[in-house]
Amino acid sequence: GERVLFSPNIKVYHHGFGSTKEKSAFSLYYGLRNALVVYWKNMPLSYALRYIFHHMFFSE
């Protein structure tokens, strides 16, 4: 029931890699999967199509 806002200029910094502590195949898979779910569920289609490819190909 919460409203989601999109702001492309916001940066969020995380310390470490949460529970995995490294960039394992596990953390990369679930990180990408979760990002795709968030894009699909919360962004208008025009934003999702514009930014999802950038996220998939240029994110670590």
PDB file of N, CA and C in Angstrom:
ATOM      1  N   GLY A   1       0.789  -1.191   0.000  1.00  0.00           N
ATOM      2  CA  GLY A   1       0.000   0.000   0.000  1.00  0.00           C
ATOM      3  C   GLY A   1       0.838   1.264   0.000  1.00  0.00           C
ATOM      4  N   GLU A   2       2.159   1.156  -0.092  1.00  0.00           N
ATOM      5  CA  GLU A   2       2.999   2.351  -0.115  1.00  0.00           C
ATOM      6  C   GLU A   2       3.154   2.861  -1.542  1.00  0.00           C
ATOM      7  N   ARG A   3       3.345   4.148  -1.676  1.00  0.00           N
ATOM      8  CA  ARG A   3       3.569   4.755  -2.979  1.00  0.00           C
ATOM      9  C   ARG A   3       5.067   4.765  -3.265  1.00  0.00           C
ATOM     10  N   VAL A   4       5.453   4.366  -4.457  1.00  0.00           N
ATOM     11  CA  VAL A   4       6.861   4.315  -4.840  1.00  0.00           C
ATOM     12  C   VAL A   4       7.162   5.485  -5.762  1.00  0.00           C
ATOM     13  N   LEU A   5       8.226   6.206  -5.453  1.00  0.00           N
ATOM     14  CA  LEU A   5       8.658   7.321  -6.285  1.00  0.00           C
ATOM     15  C   LEU A   5       9.977   6.955  -6.941  1.00  0.00           C
ATOM     16  N   PHE A   6      10.195   7.457  -8.133  1.00  0.00           N
ATOM     17  CA  PHE A   6      11.427   7.192  -8.864  1.00  0.00           C
ATOM     18  C   PHE A   6      12.197   8.489  -9.013  1.00  0.00           C
ATOM     19  N   SER A   7      13.447   8.473  -8.634  1.00  0.00           N
ATOM     20  CA  SER A   7      14.322   9.627  -8.808  1.00  0.00           C
ATOM     21  C   SER A   7      15.669   9.124  -9.305  1.00  0.00           C
ATOM     22  N   PRO A   8      16.019   9.375 -10.569  1.00  0.00           N
ATOM     23  CA  PRO A   8      17.244   8.818 -11.139  1.00  0.00           C
ATOM     24  C   PRO A   8      18.529   9.395 -10.543  1.00  0.00           C
ATOM     25  N   ASN A   9      18.450  10.472  -9.775  1.00  0.00           N
ATOM     26  CA  ASN A   9      19.656  11.106  -9.243  1.00  0.00           C
ATOM     27  C   ASN A   9      20.024  10.653  -7.832  1.00  0.00           C
ATOM     28  N   ILE A  10      19.215   9.811  -7.224  1.00  0.00           N
ATOM     29  CA  ILE A  10      19.489   9.355  -5.864  1.00  0.00           C
ATOM     30  C   ILE A  10      20.525   8.243  -5.896  1.00  0.00           C
ATOM     31  N   LYS A  11      21.488   8.324  -4.969  1.00  0.00           N
ATOM     32  CA  LYS A  11      22.489   7.267  -4.828  1.00  0.00           C
ATOM     33  C   LYS A  11      22.360   6.673  -3.430  1.00  0.00           C
ATOM     34  N   VAL A  12      22.429   5.360  -3.356  1.00  0.00           N
ATOM     35  CA  VAL A  12      22.372   4.657  -2.076  1.00  0.00           C
ATOM     36  C   VAL A  12      23.658   3.871  -1.937  1.00  0.00           C
ATOM     37  N   TYR A  13      24.304   4.003  -0.806  1.00  0.00           N
ATOM     38  CA  TYR A  13      25.554   3.297  -0.560  1.00  0.00           C
ATOM     39  C   TYR A  13      25.323   2.205   0.475  1.00  0.00           C
ATOM     40  N   HIS A  14      25.841   1.026   0.186  1.00  0.00           N
ATOM     41  CA  HIS A  14      25.736  -0.101   1.098  1.00  0.00           C
ATOM     42  C   HIS A  14      27.138  -0.493   1.538  1.00  0.00           C
ATOM     43  N   HIS A  15      27.260  -0.862   2.785  1.00  0.00           N
ATOM     44  CA  HIS A  15      28.547  -1.312   3.308  1.00  0.00           C
ATOM     45  C   HIS A  15      28.666  -2.810   3.074  1.00  0.00           C
ATOM     46  N   GLY A  16      29.609  -3.223   2.250  1.00  0.00           N
ATOM     47  CA  GLY A  16      29.806  -4.650   1.992  1.00  0.00           C
ATOM     48  C   GLY A  16      28.736  -5.216   1.079  1.00  0.00           C
ATOM     49  N   PHE A  17      28.557  -6.500   1.161  1.00  0.00           N
ATOM     50  CA  PHE A  17      27.587  -7.187   0.306  1.00  0.00           C
ATOM     51  C   PHE A  17      26.541  -7.915   1.132  1.00  0.00           C
ATOM     52  N   GLY A  18      26.094  -7.320   2.195  1.00  0.00           N
ATOM     53  CA  GLY A  18      25.037  -7.914   2.999  1.00  0.00           C
ATOM     54  C   GLY A  18      25.455  -9.235   3.600  1.00  0.00           C
ATOM     55  N   SER A  19      24.666 -10.259   3.371  1.00  0.00           N
ATOM     56  CA  SER A  19      24.933 -11.553   4.001  1.00  0.00           C
ATOM     57  C   SER A  19      25.963 -12.385   3.250  1.00  0.00           C
ATOM     58  N   THR A  20      26.308 -12.027   2.002  1.00  0.00           N
ATOM     59  CA  THR A  20      27.234 -12.866   1.236  1.00  0.00           C
ATOM     60  C   THR A  20      28.685 -12.427   1.364  1.00  0.00           C
ATOM     61  N   LYS A  21      28.951 -11.157   1.686  1.00  0.00           N
ATOM     62  CA  LYS A  21      30.289 -10.612   1.906  1.00  0.00           C
ATOM     63  C   LYS A  21      31.198 -10.604   0.684  1.00  0.00           C
ATOM     64  N   GLU A  22      30.751 -11.051  -0.455  1.00  0.00           N
ATOM     65  CA  GLU A  22      31.570 -11.033  -1.673  1.00  0.00           C
ATOM     66  C   GLU A  22      30.656 -11.082  -2.889  1.00  0.00           C
ATOM     67  N   LYS A  23      31.231 -10.868  -4.061  1.00  0.00           N
ATOM     68  CA  LYS A  23      30.455 -10.932  -5.298  1.00  0.00           C
ATOM     69  C   LYS A  23      30.463 -12.362  -5.826  1.00  0.00           C
ATOM     70  N   SER A  24      29.753 -13.208  -5.153  1.00  0.00           N
ATOM     71  CA  SER A  24      29.657 -14.600  -5.580  1.00  0.00           C
ATOM     72  C   SER A  24      28.594 -14.716  -6.665  1.00  0.00           C
ATOM     73  N   ALA A  25      28.534 -15.862  -7.309  1.00  0.00           N
ATOM     74  CA  ALA A  25      27.485 -16.113  -8.299  1.00  0.00           C
ATOM     75  C   ALA A  25      26.115 -15.979  -7.642  1.00  0.00           C
ATOM     76  N   PHE A  26      26.008 -16.407  -6.402  1.00  0.00           N
ATOM     77  CA  PHE A  26      24.762 -16.304  -5.640  1.00  0.00           C
ATOM     78  C   PHE A  26      24.323 -14.848  -5.511  1.00  0.00           C
ATOM     79  N   SER A  27      25.241 -13.979  -5.054  1.00  0.00           N
ATOM     80  CA  SER A  27      24.871 -12.582  -4.845  1.00  0.00           C
ATOM     81  C   SER A  27      24.593 -11.865  -6.159  1.00  0.00           C
ATOM     82  N   LEU A  28      25.331 -12.176  -7.204  1.00  0.00           N
ATOM     83  CA  LEU A  28      25.074 -11.554  -8.507  1.00  0.00           C
ATOM     84  C   LEU A  28      23.721 -11.977  -9.065  1.00  0.00           C
ATOM     85  N   TYR A  29      23.408 -13.266  -8.977  1.00  0.00           N
ATOM     86  CA  TYR A  29      22.133 -13.773  -9.488  1.00  0.00           C
ATOM     87  C   TYR A  29      20.962 -13.118  -8.764  1.00  0.00           C
ATOM     88  N   TYR A  30      20.977 -13.179  -7.425  1.00  0.00           N
ATOM     89  CA  TYR A  30      19.848 -12.647  -6.674  1.00  0.00           C
ATOM     90  C   TYR A  30      19.791 -11.123  -6.720  1.00  0.00           C
ATOM     91  N   GLY A  31      20.927 -10.461  -6.829  1.00  0.00           N
ATOM     92  CA  GLY A  31      20.916  -9.013  -6.976  1.00  0.00           C
ATOM     93  C   GLY A  31      20.239  -8.587  -8.266  1.00  0.00           C
ATOM     94  N   LEU A  32      20.588  -9.243  -9.370  1.00  0.00           N
ATOM     95  CA  LEU A  32      19.956  -8.928 -10.651  1.00  0.00           C
ATOM     96  C   LEU A  32      18.486  -9.323 -10.649  1.00  0.00           C
ATOM     97  N   ARG A  33      18.189 -10.497 -10.114  1.00  0.00           N
ATOM     98  CA  ARG A  33      16.801 -10.950 -10.062  1.00  0.00           C
ATOM     99  C   ARG A  33      15.941  -9.970  -9.266  1.00  0.00           C
ATOM    100  N   ASN A  34      16.419  -9.540  -8.122  1.00  0.00           N
ATOM    101  CA  ASN A  34      15.647  -8.619  -7.298  1.00  0.00           C
ATOM    102  C   ASN A  34      15.477  -7.263  -7.972  1.00  0.00           C
ATOM    103  N   ALA A  35      16.502  -6.792  -8.665  1.00  0.00           N
ATOM    104  CA  ALA A  35      16.381  -5.526  -9.392  1.00  0.00           C
ATOM    105  C   ALA A  35      15.323  -5.629 -10.484  1.00  0.00           C
ATOM    106  N   LEU A  36      15.300  -6.744 -11.192  1.00  0.00           N
ATOM    107  CA  LEU A  36      14.298  -6.930 -12.243  1.00  0.00           C
ATOM    108  C   LEU A  36      12.894  -6.958 -11.667  1.00  0.00           C
ATOM    109  N   VAL A  37      12.719  -7.607 -10.526  1.00  0.00           N
ATOM    110  CA  VAL A  37      11.401  -7.657  -9.882  1.00  0.00           C
ATOM    111  C   VAL A  37      10.959  -6.255  -9.477  1.00  0.00           C
ATOM    112  N   VAL A  38      11.873  -5.470  -8.918  1.00  0.00           N
ATOM    113  CA  VAL A  38      11.533  -4.108  -8.507  1.00  0.00           C
ATOM    114  C   VAL A  38      11.157  -3.259  -9.719  1.00  0.00           C
ATOM    115  N   TYR A  39      11.944  -3.346 -10.794  1.00  0.00           N
ATOM    116  CA  TYR A  39      11.601  -2.612 -12.018  1.00  0.00           C
ATOM    117  C   TYR A  39      10.214  -3.007 -12.504  1.00  0.00           C
ATOM    118  N   TRP A  40       9.959  -4.293 -12.588  1.00  0.00           N
ATOM    119  CA  TRP A  40       8.699  -4.785 -13.154  1.00  0.00           C
ATOM    120  C   TRP A  40       7.504  -4.367 -12.312  1.00  0.00           C
ATOM    121  N   LYS A  41       7.638  -4.443 -10.988  1.00  0.00           N
ATOM    122  CA  LYS A  41       6.506  -4.180 -10.108  1.00  0.00           C
ATOM    123  C   LYS A  41       6.233  -2.702  -9.885  1.00  0.00           C
ATOM    124  N   ASN A  42       7.258  -1.849  -9.916  1.00  0.00           N
ATOM    125  CA  ASN A  42       7.092  -0.490  -9.411  1.00  0.00           C
ATOM    126  C   ASN A  42       7.276   0.633 -10.415  1.00  0.00           C
ATOM    127  N   MET A  43       7.900   0.378 -11.534  1.00  0.00           N
ATOM    128  CA  MET A  43       8.173   1.465 -12.472  1.00  0.00           C
ATOM    129  C   MET A  43       7.143   1.501 -13.592  1.00  0.00           C
ATOM    130  N   PRO A  44       6.818   2.693 -14.049  1.00  0.00           N
ATOM    131  CA  PRO A  44       6.025   2.778 -15.267  1.00  0.00           C
ATOM    132  C   PRO A  44       6.798   2.106 -16.403  1.00  0.00           C
ATOM    133  N   LEU A  45       6.101   1.523 -17.328  1.00  0.00           N
ATOM    134  CA  LEU A  45       6.731   0.751 -18.399  1.00  0.00           C
ATOM    135  C   LEU A  45       7.780   1.564 -19.155  1.00  0.00           C
ATOM    136  N   SER A  46       7.514   2.836 -19.419  1.00  0.00           N
ATOM    137  CA  SER A  46       8.477   3.644 -20.178  1.00  0.00           C
ATOM    138  C   SER A  46       9.802   3.787 -19.425  1.00  0.00           C
ATOM    139  N   TYR A  47       9.756   3.988 -18.111  1.00  0.00           N
ATOM    140  CA  TYR A  47      10.988   4.064 -17.320  1.00  0.00           C
ATOM    141  C   TYR A  47      11.676   2.714 -17.253  1.00  0.00           C
ATOM    142  N   ALA A  48      10.915   1.670 -17.026  1.00  0.00           N
ATOM    143  CA  ALA A  48      11.501   0.333 -16.906  1.00  0.00           C
ATOM    144  C   ALA A  48      12.244  -0.039 -18.184  1.00  0.00           C
ATOM    145  N   LEU A  49      11.648   0.199 -19.324  1.00  0.00           N
ATOM    146  CA  LEU A  49      12.299  -0.142 -20.590  1.00  0.00           C
ATOM    147  C   LEU A  49      13.546   0.703 -20.822  1.00  0.00           C
ATOM    148  N   ARG A  50      13.507   1.941 -20.369  1.00  0.00           N
ATOM    149  CA  ARG A  50      14.639   2.837 -20.576  1.00  0.00           C
ATOM    150  C   ARG A  50      15.833   2.458 -19.694  1.00  0.00           C
ATOM    151  N   TYR A  51      15.585   2.085 -18.457  1.00  0.00           N
ATOM    152  CA  TYR A  51      16.674   1.899 -17.501  1.00  0.00           C
ATOM    153  C   TYR A  51      17.065   0.458 -17.234  1.00  0.00           C
ATOM    154  N   ILE A  52      16.230  -0.498 -17.580  1.00  0.00           N
ATOM    155  CA  ILE A  52      16.540  -1.887 -17.234  1.00  0.00           C
ATOM    156  C   ILE A  52      17.755  -2.408 -18.001  1.00  0.00           C
ATOM    157  N   PHE A  53      17.905  -2.034 -19.251  1.00  0.00           N
ATOM    158  CA  PHE A  53      19.051  -2.515 -20.024  1.00  0.00           C
ATOM    159  C   PHE A  53      20.353  -1.912 -19.496  1.00  0.00           C
ATOM    160  N   HIS A  54      20.306  -0.646 -19.108  1.00  0.00           N
ATOM    161  CA  HIS A  54      21.479  -0.024 -18.502  1.00  0.00           C
ATOM    162  C   HIS A  54      21.862  -0.780 -17.233  1.00  0.00           C
ATOM    163  N   HIS A  55      20.887  -1.099 -16.417  1.00  0.00           N
ATOM    164  CA  HIS A  55      21.168  -1.810 -15.171  1.00  0.00           C
ATOM    165  C   HIS A  55      21.743  -3.200 -15.436  1.00  0.00           C
ATOM    166  N   MET A  56      21.204  -3.891 -16.407  1.00  0.00           N
ATOM    167  CA  MET A  56      21.646  -5.260 -16.686  1.00  0.00           C
ATOM    168  C   MET A  56      23.061  -5.303 -17.253  1.00  0.00           C
ATOM    169  N   PHE A  57      23.417  -4.341 -18.101  1.00  0.00           N
ATOM    170  CA  PHE A  57      24.686  -4.423 -18.809  1.00  0.00           C
ATOM    171  C   PHE A  57      25.804  -3.571 -18.220  1.00  0.00           C
ATOM    172  N   PHE A  58      25.467  -2.594 -17.403  1.00  0.00           N
ATOM    173  CA  PHE A  58      26.499  -1.698 -16.892  1.00  0.00           C
ATOM    174  C   PHE A  58      26.656  -1.745 -15.385  1.00  0.00           C
ATOM    175  N   SER A  59      25.862  -2.532 -14.691  1.00  0.00           N
ATOM    176  CA  SER A  59      26.014  -2.687 -13.243  1.00  0.00           C
ATOM    177  C   SER A  59      27.020  -3.779 -12.958  1.00  0.00           C
ATOM    178  N   GLU A  60      27.637  -3.681 -11.807  1.00  0.00           N
ATOM    179  CA  GLU A  60      28.605  -4.720 -11.419  1.00  0.00           C
ATOM    180  C   GLU A  60      27.897  -5.955 -10.954  1.00  0.00           C
TER     181      GLU A  60
END
